[in-house]
Amino acid sequence: MKADPSQIMFEIAAGCGVSDKTVLIHLKQIGKVKKLERWVHHELSAANRQTRVNCCITLLNRHNNAGILNRIITCDEKWILYDNRKRSSQWLNPGEPAKSCPKLKLTQKKLLVSIWWTSAGIVHYRFLKSGQTITADVYCQQLQTMMEKLGAKQPTLLNRSRPLLLQDNARPHTA
């Protein structure tokens, strides 16, 4: 186990000449628990990590000198699924099967919401029509609407310090 903690239980059992259940009992006795690996988008090289550290230090220095964190406005999109089913919990004896519940269909009804916010709170949000997604035109319209609302909700940010737009590199945002 020390050499390779990702061994499968039946491999350990076969190597030791015992049953899977015996291996499980001994693993629990020594305090082992089964955990899944964490997914990461990709592994960063040392140069990538250093670039990120340098960017963070630059932003912190800029904030300390000019106070930029209160000027940042950002947006994101989120799919909201219509799923009003409620699953009930059950108290059962060990080994007794739970009542089954059907899985959701692959083509569920969903709605896209786009939200714009600053450190002071939400500036603008919009639910897109069913089947509509974010395009460069939709994004530009939302940007204009958000700027109008920002002028009403936080005029000092718009008039004095100029907002900084923080966005991801999604296609409509870069277009």
N, C-alpha and C. Protein backbone atom coordinates (compact mmCIF):
# COMPACT_ATOMS: atom_id res chain seq x y z
N MET A 1 0.82 -1.19 0.00
CA MET A 1 0.00 0.00 0.00
C MET A 1 0.87 1.26 0.00
N LYS A 2 1.98 1.21 0.72
CA LYS A 2 2.85 2.39 0.78
C LYS A 2 3.46 2.68 -0.59
N ALA A 3 3.82 1.63 -1.32
CA ALA A 3 4.46 1.81 -2.62
C ALA A 3 3.47 2.29 -3.66
N ASP A 4 2.24 1.77 -3.62
CA ASP A 4 1.24 2.14 -4.63
C ASP A 4 -0.14 2.18 -3.99
N PRO A 5 -0.58 3.36 -3.50
CA PRO A 5 -1.89 3.44 -2.84
C PRO A 5 -3.07 3.33 -3.81
N SER A 6 -2.81 3.29 -5.11
CA SER A 6 -3.90 3.19 -6.07
C SER A 6 -4.18 1.75 -6.48
N GLN A 7 -3.64 0.79 -5.74
CA GLN A 7 -3.89 -0.62 -6.07
C GLN A 7 -5.37 -0.96 -5.90
N ILE A 8 -5.85 -1.84 -6.73
CA ILE A 8 -7.23 -2.30 -6.63
C ILE A 8 -7.29 -3.39 -5.58
N MET A 9 -8.40 -3.43 -4.83
CA MET A 9 -8.51 -4.33 -3.70
C MET A 9 -8.32 -5.79 -4.08
N PHE A 10 -8.85 -6.21 -5.24
CA PHE A 10 -8.70 -7.62 -5.60
C PHE A 10 -7.25 -7.96 -5.92
N GLU A 11 -6.46 -6.95 -6.38
CA GLU A 11 -5.04 -7.19 -6.63
C GLU A 11 -4.30 -7.43 -5.32
N ILE A 12 -4.64 -6.63 -4.31
CA ILE A 12 -4.02 -6.80 -2.99
C ILE A 12 -4.39 -8.17 -2.42
N ALA A 13 -5.69 -8.51 -2.55
CA ALA A 13 -6.17 -9.80 -2.03
C ALA A 13 -5.46 -10.96 -2.73
N ALA A 14 -5.32 -10.87 -4.06
CA ALA A 14 -4.66 -11.94 -4.81
C ALA A 14 -3.19 -12.04 -4.42
N GLY A 15 -2.54 -10.90 -4.23
CA GLY A 15 -1.12 -10.90 -3.85
C GLY A 15 -0.88 -11.46 -2.46
N CYS A 16 -1.85 -11.27 -1.57
CA CYS A 16 -1.70 -11.77 -0.19
C CYS A 16 -2.35 -13.13 0.02
N GLY A 17 -3.12 -13.59 -0.97
CA GLY A 17 -3.79 -14.89 -0.84
C GLY A 17 -4.95 -14.87 0.14
N VAL A 18 -5.66 -13.74 0.23
CA VAL A 18 -6.82 -13.65 1.12
C VAL A 18 -8.01 -13.12 0.32
N SER A 19 -9.16 -13.03 0.99
CA SER A 19 -10.36 -12.54 0.30
C SER A 19 -10.38 -11.01 0.27
N ASP A 20 -11.21 -10.47 -0.63
CA ASP A 20 -11.38 -9.02 -0.72
C ASP A 20 -11.89 -8.45 0.60
N LYS A 21 -12.81 -9.16 1.24
CA LYS A 21 -13.39 -8.69 2.50
C LYS A 21 -12.33 -8.60 3.58
N THR A 22 -11.41 -9.54 3.62
CA THR A 22 -10.33 -9.51 4.61
C THR A 22 -9.45 -8.28 4.39
N VAL A 23 -9.14 -7.99 3.14
CA VAL A 23 -8.33 -6.81 2.82
C VAL A 23 -9.07 -5.55 3.27
N LEU A 24 -10.38 -5.48 3.00
CA LEU A 24 -11.17 -4.32 3.38
C LEU A 24 -11.18 -4.13 4.89
N ILE A 25 -11.34 -5.20 5.62
CA ILE A 25 -11.34 -5.12 7.09
C ILE A 25 -10.01 -4.58 7.59
N HIS A 26 -8.91 -5.09 7.06
CA HIS A 26 -7.58 -4.64 7.51
C HIS A 26 -7.32 -3.19 7.11
N LEU A 27 -7.76 -2.79 5.91
CA LEU A 27 -7.57 -1.40 5.49
C LEU A 27 -8.34 -0.44 6.41
N LYS A 28 -9.56 -0.85 6.81
CA LYS A 28 -10.34 -0.02 7.73
C LYS A 28 -9.69 0.03 9.11
N GLN A 29 -9.12 -1.09 9.54
CA GLN A 29 -8.47 -1.13 10.85
C GLN A 29 -7.27 -0.18 10.93
N ILE A 30 -6.56 -0.03 9.81
CA ILE A 30 -5.39 0.87 9.84
C ILE A 30 -5.76 2.29 9.43
N GLY A 31 -7.08 2.55 9.30
CA GLY A 31 -7.55 3.91 9.07
C GLY A 31 -7.55 4.38 7.63
N LYS A 32 -7.48 3.45 6.68
CA LYS A 32 -7.50 3.83 5.27
C LYS A 32 -8.93 4.05 4.80
N VAL A 33 -9.14 5.05 3.96
CA VAL A 33 -10.44 5.30 3.33
C VAL A 33 -10.21 5.43 1.84
N LYS A 34 -11.22 5.09 1.06
CA LYS A 34 -11.10 5.15 -0.39
C LYS A 34 -11.52 6.55 -0.86
N LYS A 35 -10.67 7.20 -1.60
CA LYS A 35 -10.97 8.52 -2.14
C LYS A 35 -10.62 8.55 -3.61
N LEU A 36 -11.42 9.27 -4.37
CA LEU A 36 -11.16 9.42 -5.80
C LEU A 36 -10.13 10.51 -6.03
N GLU A 37 -9.39 10.37 -7.11
CA GLU A 37 -8.43 11.40 -7.48
C GLU A 37 -9.17 12.68 -7.80
N ARG A 38 -8.52 13.83 -7.60
CA ARG A 38 -9.11 15.10 -7.98
C ARG A 38 -8.79 15.38 -9.43
N TRP A 39 -9.78 15.84 -10.18
CA TRP A 39 -9.57 16.20 -11.58
C TRP A 39 -8.98 17.60 -11.64
N VAL A 40 -7.99 17.77 -12.48
CA VAL A 40 -7.47 19.10 -12.78
C VAL A 40 -7.54 19.28 -14.29
N HIS A 41 -7.71 20.53 -14.73
CA HIS A 41 -7.85 20.76 -16.17
C HIS A 41 -6.60 20.33 -16.92
N HIS A 42 -5.47 20.66 -16.39
CA HIS A 42 -4.21 20.27 -16.99
C HIS A 42 -3.12 20.50 -15.96
N GLU A 43 -1.98 19.91 -16.19
CA GLU A 43 -0.87 20.12 -15.27
C GLU A 43 -0.06 21.31 -15.76
N LEU A 44 0.34 22.15 -14.82
CA LEU A 44 1.12 23.33 -15.16
C LEU A 44 2.60 23.03 -15.04
N SER A 45 3.36 23.57 -15.97
CA SER A 45 4.82 23.44 -15.88
C SER A 45 5.32 24.46 -14.86
N ALA A 46 6.57 24.36 -14.50
CA ALA A 46 7.17 25.31 -13.55
C ALA A 46 7.10 26.73 -14.11
N ALA A 47 7.30 26.88 -15.41
CA ALA A 47 7.23 28.21 -16.04
C ALA A 47 5.80 28.76 -15.98
N ASN A 48 4.78 27.90 -16.21
CA ASN A 48 3.38 28.34 -16.10
C ASN A 48 3.05 28.80 -14.68
N ARG A 49 3.50 28.02 -13.71
CA ARG A 49 3.23 28.39 -12.31
C ARG A 49 3.89 29.73 -11.97
N GLN A 50 5.13 29.92 -12.42
CA GLN A 50 5.84 31.16 -12.13
C GLN A 50 5.16 32.35 -12.81
N THR A 51 4.66 32.16 -14.02
CA THR A 51 3.93 33.22 -14.71
C THR A 51 2.69 33.62 -13.92
N ARG A 52 1.97 32.64 -13.40
CA ARG A 52 0.77 32.94 -12.60
C ARG A 52 1.14 33.68 -11.31
N VAL A 53 2.19 33.26 -10.68
CA VAL A 53 2.64 33.95 -9.45
C VAL A 53 3.01 35.39 -9.78
N ASN A 54 3.74 35.60 -10.86
CA ASN A 54 4.14 36.96 -11.25
C ASN A 54 2.91 37.82 -11.54
N CYS A 55 1.91 37.26 -12.22
CA CYS A 55 0.67 38.02 -12.50
C CYS A 55 -0.03 38.41 -11.20
N CYS A 56 -0.10 37.48 -10.26
CA CYS A 56 -0.76 37.77 -8.98
C CYS A 56 -0.02 38.86 -8.22
N ILE A 57 1.30 38.77 -8.20
CA ILE A 57 2.09 39.79 -7.50
C ILE A 57 1.90 41.16 -8.16
N THR A 58 1.88 41.18 -9.49
CA THR A 58 1.66 42.44 -10.21
C THR A 58 0.30 43.03 -9.87
N LEU A 59 -0.75 42.19 -9.85
CA LEU A 59 -2.08 42.67 -9.53
C LEU A 59 -2.18 43.17 -8.08
N LEU A 60 -1.54 42.46 -7.16
CA LEU A 60 -1.55 42.91 -5.76
C LEU A 60 -0.82 44.24 -5.61
N ASN A 61 0.31 44.38 -6.29
CA ASN A 61 1.04 45.66 -6.23
C ASN A 61 0.20 46.78 -6.83
N ARG A 62 -0.47 46.48 -7.94
CA ARG A 62 -1.31 47.49 -8.58
C ARG A 62 -2.46 47.89 -7.65
N HIS A 63 -3.02 46.90 -6.96
CA HIS A 63 -4.10 47.20 -6.02
C HIS A 63 -3.58 48.04 -4.86
N ASN A 64 -2.41 47.70 -4.33
CA ASN A 64 -1.85 48.46 -3.22
C ASN A 64 -1.55 49.90 -3.63
N ASN A 65 -1.18 50.12 -4.88
CA ASN A 65 -0.86 51.46 -5.35
C ASN A 65 -2.09 52.24 -5.82
N ALA A 66 -3.03 51.55 -6.46
CA ALA A 66 -4.15 52.27 -7.08
C ALA A 66 -5.53 51.77 -6.64
N GLY A 67 -5.61 50.74 -5.82
CA GLY A 67 -6.90 50.24 -5.36
C GLY A 67 -7.80 49.73 -6.47
N ILE A 68 -7.35 48.73 -7.22
CA ILE A 68 -8.11 48.28 -8.39
C ILE A 68 -9.21 47.27 -8.09
N LEU A 69 -9.17 46.59 -6.94
CA LEU A 69 -10.14 45.52 -6.70
C LEU A 69 -11.58 46.02 -6.69
N ASN A 70 -11.80 47.25 -6.23
CA ASN A 70 -13.15 47.80 -6.22
C ASN A 70 -13.59 48.29 -7.61
N ARG A 71 -12.69 48.29 -8.56
CA ARG A 71 -13.00 48.73 -9.91
C ARG A 71 -13.35 47.57 -10.84
N ILE A 72 -13.13 46.35 -10.40
CA ILE A 72 -13.31 45.19 -11.27
C ILE A 72 -14.80 44.86 -11.42
N ILE A 73 -15.21 44.66 -12.65
CA ILE A 73 -16.55 44.15 -12.96
C ILE A 73 -16.35 42.90 -13.82
N THR A 74 -17.11 41.88 -13.52
CA THR A 74 -16.95 40.62 -14.24
C THR A 74 -18.30 40.01 -14.55
N CYS A 75 -18.29 39.02 -15.41
CA CYS A 75 -19.54 38.34 -15.77
C CYS A 75 -19.29 36.86 -15.93
N ASP A 76 -20.37 36.11 -15.88
CA ASP A 76 -20.29 34.68 -16.14
C ASP A 76 -21.66 34.20 -16.57
N GLU A 77 -21.68 33.06 -17.22
CA GLU A 77 -22.92 32.45 -17.67
C GLU A 77 -23.08 31.11 -16.96
N LYS A 78 -24.33 30.74 -16.70
CA LYS A 78 -24.61 29.49 -16.02
C LYS A 78 -25.88 28.87 -16.57
N TRP A 79 -25.83 27.59 -16.88
CA TRP A 79 -27.02 26.87 -17.31
C TRP A 79 -27.81 26.46 -16.07
N ILE A 80 -29.10 26.72 -16.09
CA ILE A 80 -29.99 26.32 -14.99
C ILE A 80 -30.90 25.24 -15.55
N LEU A 81 -30.90 24.07 -14.92
CA LEU A 81 -31.72 22.95 -15.36
C LEU A 81 -33.05 22.96 -14.63
N TYR A 82 -34.12 22.68 -15.36
CA TYR A 82 -35.42 22.52 -14.75
C TYR A 82 -35.49 21.09 -14.22
N ASP A 83 -35.42 20.92 -12.93
CA ASP A 83 -35.53 19.60 -12.32
C ASP A 83 -36.25 19.78 -11.00
N ASN A 84 -37.54 19.63 -11.03
CA ASN A 84 -38.34 19.86 -9.83
C ASN A 84 -38.63 18.57 -9.07
N ARG A 85 -38.01 17.47 -9.51
CA ARG A 85 -38.24 16.21 -8.80
C ARG A 85 -37.62 16.26 -7.43
N LYS A 86 -38.23 15.61 -6.48
CA LYS A 86 -37.66 15.51 -5.15
C LYS A 86 -37.39 14.04 -4.88
N ARG A 87 -36.19 13.78 -4.41
CA ARG A 87 -35.86 12.41 -4.04
C ARG A 87 -36.06 12.29 -2.54
N SER A 88 -36.72 11.25 -2.12
CA SER A 88 -36.94 11.07 -0.69
C SER A 88 -35.85 10.18 -0.11
N SER A 89 -35.48 10.48 1.12
CA SER A 89 -34.48 9.64 1.78
C SER A 89 -35.20 8.51 2.50
N GLN A 90 -34.46 7.47 2.81
CA GLN A 90 -35.04 6.28 3.42
C GLN A 90 -34.11 5.76 4.49
N TRP A 91 -34.71 5.26 5.57
CA TRP A 91 -33.93 4.58 6.60
C TRP A 91 -34.12 3.09 6.37
N LEU A 92 -33.05 2.42 6.02
CA LEU A 92 -33.13 1.00 5.67
C LEU A 92 -32.09 0.22 6.45
N ASN A 93 -32.30 -1.07 6.51
CA ASN A 93 -31.30 -1.94 7.12
C ASN A 93 -30.12 -2.06 6.17
N PRO A 94 -28.90 -2.27 6.70
CA PRO A 94 -27.75 -2.46 5.81
C PRO A 94 -28.01 -3.61 4.85
N GLY A 95 -27.70 -3.38 3.59
CA GLY A 95 -27.88 -4.39 2.56
C GLY A 95 -29.25 -4.37 1.91
N GLU A 96 -30.21 -3.66 2.51
CA GLU A 96 -31.55 -3.57 1.94
C GLU A 96 -31.52 -2.53 0.82
N PRO A 97 -32.03 -2.86 -0.37
CA PRO A 97 -31.93 -1.92 -1.50
C PRO A 97 -32.88 -0.72 -1.32
N ALA A 98 -32.42 0.44 -1.77
CA ALA A 98 -33.24 1.65 -1.71
C ALA A 98 -34.21 1.67 -2.88
N LYS A 99 -35.28 2.42 -2.72
CA LYS A 99 -36.26 2.59 -3.79
C LYS A 99 -35.56 3.26 -4.97
N SER A 100 -35.87 2.82 -6.18
CA SER A 100 -35.19 3.37 -7.35
C SER A 100 -35.84 4.67 -7.80
N CYS A 101 -35.04 5.50 -8.46
CA CYS A 101 -35.48 6.79 -8.96
C CYS A 101 -34.91 6.93 -10.36
N PRO A 102 -35.74 7.23 -11.38
CA PRO A 102 -35.20 7.29 -12.74
C PRO A 102 -34.23 8.45 -12.93
N LYS A 103 -33.25 8.22 -13.80
CA LYS A 103 -32.28 9.26 -14.13
C LYS A 103 -32.95 10.31 -14.99
N LEU A 104 -32.35 11.49 -15.01
CA LEU A 104 -32.86 12.57 -15.85
C LEU A 104 -32.62 12.25 -17.32
N LYS A 105 -33.48 12.77 -18.18
CA LYS A 105 -33.28 12.59 -19.61
C LYS A 105 -32.04 13.35 -20.04
N LEU A 106 -31.42 12.91 -21.12
CA LEU A 106 -30.23 13.59 -21.62
C LEU A 106 -30.56 14.97 -22.17
N THR A 107 -31.76 15.12 -22.73
CA THR A 107 -32.14 16.41 -23.30
C THR A 107 -33.12 17.09 -22.36
N GLN A 108 -32.59 17.65 -21.28
CA GLN A 108 -33.42 18.32 -20.31
C GLN A 108 -33.72 19.74 -20.77
N LYS A 109 -34.76 20.31 -20.19
CA LYS A 109 -35.07 21.71 -20.47
C LYS A 109 -34.14 22.54 -19.61
N LYS A 110 -33.47 23.51 -20.22
CA LYS A 110 -32.53 24.33 -19.47
C LYS A 110 -32.59 25.76 -19.96
N LEU A 111 -32.07 26.66 -19.13
CA LEU A 111 -32.12 28.08 -19.38
C LEU A 111 -30.76 28.67 -19.05
N LEU A 112 -30.30 29.61 -19.85
CA LEU A 112 -28.99 30.23 -19.62
C LEU A 112 -29.18 31.60 -18.97
N VAL A 113 -28.47 31.83 -17.89
CA VAL A 113 -28.49 33.13 -17.22
C VAL A 113 -27.09 33.73 -17.33
N SER A 114 -27.04 35.02 -17.57
CA SER A 114 -25.78 35.76 -17.65
C SER A 114 -25.81 36.79 -16.54
N ILE A 115 -24.75 36.83 -15.71
CA ILE A 115 -24.72 37.70 -14.52
C ILE A 115 -23.47 38.58 -14.57
N TRP A 116 -23.66 39.87 -14.26
CA TRP A 116 -22.56 40.83 -14.18
C TRP A 116 -22.51 41.35 -12.75
N TRP A 117 -21.31 41.42 -12.14
CA TRP A 117 -21.21 41.90 -10.77
C TRP A 117 -19.89 42.60 -10.49
N THR A 118 -19.89 43.37 -9.39
CA THR A 118 -18.68 44.02 -8.87
C THR A 118 -18.55 43.58 -7.41
N SER A 119 -17.57 44.12 -6.72
CA SER A 119 -17.40 43.80 -5.30
C SER A 119 -18.58 44.31 -4.48
N ALA A 120 -19.33 45.28 -5.01
CA ALA A 120 -20.49 45.83 -4.30
C ALA A 120 -21.75 45.00 -4.51
N GLY A 121 -21.74 44.07 -5.46
CA GLY A 121 -22.91 43.22 -5.69
C GLY A 121 -23.25 43.09 -7.17
N ILE A 122 -24.42 42.49 -7.42
CA ILE A 122 -24.88 42.23 -8.79
C ILE A 122 -25.28 43.55 -9.44
N VAL A 123 -24.79 43.76 -10.65
CA VAL A 123 -25.12 44.95 -11.43
C VAL A 123 -26.25 44.64 -12.40
N HIS A 124 -26.16 43.50 -13.07
CA HIS A 124 -27.14 43.16 -14.11
C HIS A 124 -27.16 41.66 -14.29
N TYR A 125 -28.35 41.12 -14.56
CA TYR A 125 -28.46 39.72 -14.95
C TYR A 125 -29.54 39.61 -16.01
N ARG A 126 -29.43 38.58 -16.81
CA ARG A 126 -30.40 38.39 -17.89
C ARG A 126 -30.57 36.90 -18.15
N PHE A 127 -31.81 36.46 -18.19
CA PHE A 127 -32.14 35.09 -18.58
C PHE A 127 -32.35 35.09 -20.08
N LEU A 128 -31.62 34.28 -20.79
CA LEU A 128 -31.76 34.21 -22.24
C LEU A 128 -32.97 33.37 -22.61
N LYS A 129 -33.53 33.63 -23.76
CA LYS A 129 -34.68 32.87 -24.24
C LYS A 129 -34.26 31.41 -24.43
N SER A 130 -35.23 30.51 -24.33
CA SER A 130 -34.95 29.09 -24.49
C SER A 130 -34.29 28.83 -25.84
N GLY A 131 -33.18 28.13 -25.81
CA GLY A 131 -32.45 27.81 -27.03
C GLY A 131 -31.43 28.87 -27.44
N GLN A 132 -31.47 30.05 -26.82
CA GLN A 132 -30.52 31.11 -27.16
C GLN A 132 -29.24 30.94 -26.37
N THR A 133 -28.11 31.22 -27.00
CA THR A 133 -26.82 31.17 -26.32
C THR A 133 -26.12 32.51 -26.47
N ILE A 134 -24.96 32.63 -25.84
CA ILE A 134 -24.20 33.87 -25.90
C ILE A 134 -23.43 33.93 -27.21
N THR A 135 -23.69 34.96 -27.98
CA THR A 135 -22.91 35.25 -29.19
C THR A 135 -22.24 36.60 -28.97
N ALA A 136 -21.39 37.00 -29.89
CA ALA A 136 -20.71 38.29 -29.76
C ALA A 136 -21.73 39.43 -29.72
N ASP A 137 -22.79 39.36 -30.53
CA ASP A 137 -23.82 40.40 -30.54
C ASP A 137 -24.57 40.46 -29.21
N VAL A 138 -24.97 39.30 -28.70
CA VAL A 138 -25.68 39.24 -27.42
C VAL A 138 -24.78 39.78 -26.31
N TYR A 139 -23.50 39.39 -26.33
CA TYR A 139 -22.55 39.85 -25.32
C TYR A 139 -22.40 41.37 -25.37
N CYS A 140 -22.30 41.95 -26.56
CA CYS A 140 -22.16 43.40 -26.69
C CYS A 140 -23.40 44.13 -26.19
N GLN A 141 -24.59 43.58 -26.47
CA GLN A 141 -25.83 44.17 -25.96
C GLN A 141 -25.85 44.13 -24.44
N GLN A 142 -25.44 43.00 -23.87
CA GLN A 142 -25.42 42.88 -22.42
C GLN A 142 -24.40 43.84 -21.81
N LEU A 143 -23.28 44.01 -22.47
CA LEU A 143 -22.25 44.93 -21.99
C LEU A 143 -22.78 46.36 -21.96
N GLN A 144 -23.51 46.77 -23.00
CA GLN A 144 -24.09 48.11 -23.02
C GLN A 144 -25.13 48.28 -21.92
N THR A 145 -26.01 47.30 -21.75
CA THR A 145 -27.03 47.36 -20.70
C THR A 145 -26.38 47.41 -19.33
N MET A 146 -25.35 46.59 -19.13
CA MET A 146 -24.65 46.57 -17.84
C MET A 146 -24.03 47.93 -17.55
N MET A 147 -23.43 48.57 -18.55
CA MET A 147 -22.81 49.88 -18.33
C MET A 147 -23.86 50.93 -17.95
N GLU A 148 -25.03 50.86 -18.56
CA GLU A 148 -26.11 51.78 -18.20
C GLU A 148 -26.54 51.57 -16.74
N LYS A 149 -26.72 50.31 -16.36
CA LYS A 149 -27.12 50.00 -14.99
C LYS A 149 -26.02 50.34 -14.01
N LEU A 150 -24.77 50.14 -14.40
CA LEU A 150 -23.63 50.48 -13.54
C LEU A 150 -23.62 51.99 -13.27
N GLY A 151 -23.93 52.78 -14.31
CA GLY A 151 -24.00 54.23 -14.15
C GLY A 151 -25.05 54.65 -13.15
N ALA A 152 -26.17 53.90 -13.09
CA ALA A 152 -27.23 54.20 -12.14
C ALA A 152 -26.92 53.69 -10.74
N LYS A 153 -26.33 52.48 -10.65
CA LYS A 153 -26.09 51.86 -9.35
C LYS A 153 -24.79 52.31 -8.69
N GLN A 154 -23.74 52.51 -9.48
CA GLN A 154 -22.44 52.89 -8.94
C GLN A 154 -21.82 53.99 -9.80
N PRO A 155 -22.39 55.20 -9.77
CA PRO A 155 -21.91 56.26 -10.65
C PRO A 155 -20.46 56.67 -10.39
N THR A 156 -19.99 56.56 -9.15
CA THR A 156 -18.60 56.94 -8.88
C THR A 156 -17.63 56.00 -9.57
N LEU A 157 -17.98 54.73 -9.65
CA LEU A 157 -17.11 53.78 -10.34
C LEU A 157 -17.02 54.12 -11.82
N LEU A 158 -18.13 54.51 -12.41
CA LEU A 158 -18.16 54.82 -13.83
C LEU A 158 -17.53 56.18 -14.13
N ASN A 159 -17.75 57.15 -13.26
CA ASN A 159 -17.30 58.52 -13.53
C ASN A 159 -15.87 58.83 -13.09
N ARG A 160 -15.46 58.31 -11.94
CA ARG A 160 -14.15 58.67 -11.38
C ARG A 160 -13.04 57.70 -11.73
N SER A 161 -13.27 56.41 -11.43
CA SER A 161 -12.15 55.49 -11.48
C SER A 161 -12.13 54.56 -12.68
N ARG A 162 -13.12 54.58 -13.53
CA ARG A 162 -13.20 53.72 -14.71
C ARG A 162 -13.16 52.24 -14.33
N PRO A 163 -14.20 51.51 -14.67
CA PRO A 163 -14.23 50.08 -14.32
C PRO A 163 -13.23 49.27 -15.14
N LEU A 164 -12.77 48.19 -14.54
CA LEU A 164 -11.89 47.23 -15.23
C LEU A 164 -12.71 45.98 -15.50
N LEU A 165 -12.80 45.58 -16.76
CA LEU A 165 -13.58 44.41 -17.14
C LEU A 165 -12.71 43.16 -17.03
N LEU A 166 -13.15 42.24 -16.19
CA LEU A 166 -12.46 40.96 -16.03
C LEU A 166 -13.35 39.90 -16.63
N GLN A 167 -12.88 39.22 -17.65
CA GLN A 167 -13.69 38.20 -18.33
C GLN A 167 -12.82 37.00 -18.69
N ASP A 168 -13.48 35.89 -18.95
CA ASP A 168 -12.74 34.72 -19.39
C ASP A 168 -12.52 34.80 -20.90
N ASN A 169 -11.91 33.79 -21.47
CA ASN A 169 -11.60 33.85 -22.90
C ASN A 169 -12.59 33.07 -23.75
N ALA A 170 -13.86 33.07 -23.34
CA ALA A 170 -14.89 32.42 -24.16
C ALA A 170 -15.00 33.15 -25.50
N ARG A 171 -15.37 32.44 -26.53
CA ARG A 171 -15.41 33.00 -27.88
C ARG A 171 -16.19 34.32 -27.98
N PRO A 172 -17.43 34.42 -27.42
CA PRO A 172 -18.14 35.70 -27.54
C PRO A 172 -17.41 36.84 -26.83
N HIS A 173 -16.69 36.53 -25.76
CA HIS A 173 -15.98 37.56 -25.01
C HIS A 173 -14.77 38.06 -25.77
N THR A 174 -14.11 37.20 -26.50
CA THR A 174 -12.92 37.61 -27.24
C THR A 174 -13.27 38.20 -28.60
N ALA A 175 -14.46 37.89 -29.12
CA ALA A 175 -14.88 38.44 -30.41
C ALA A 175 -15.06 39.94 -30.28
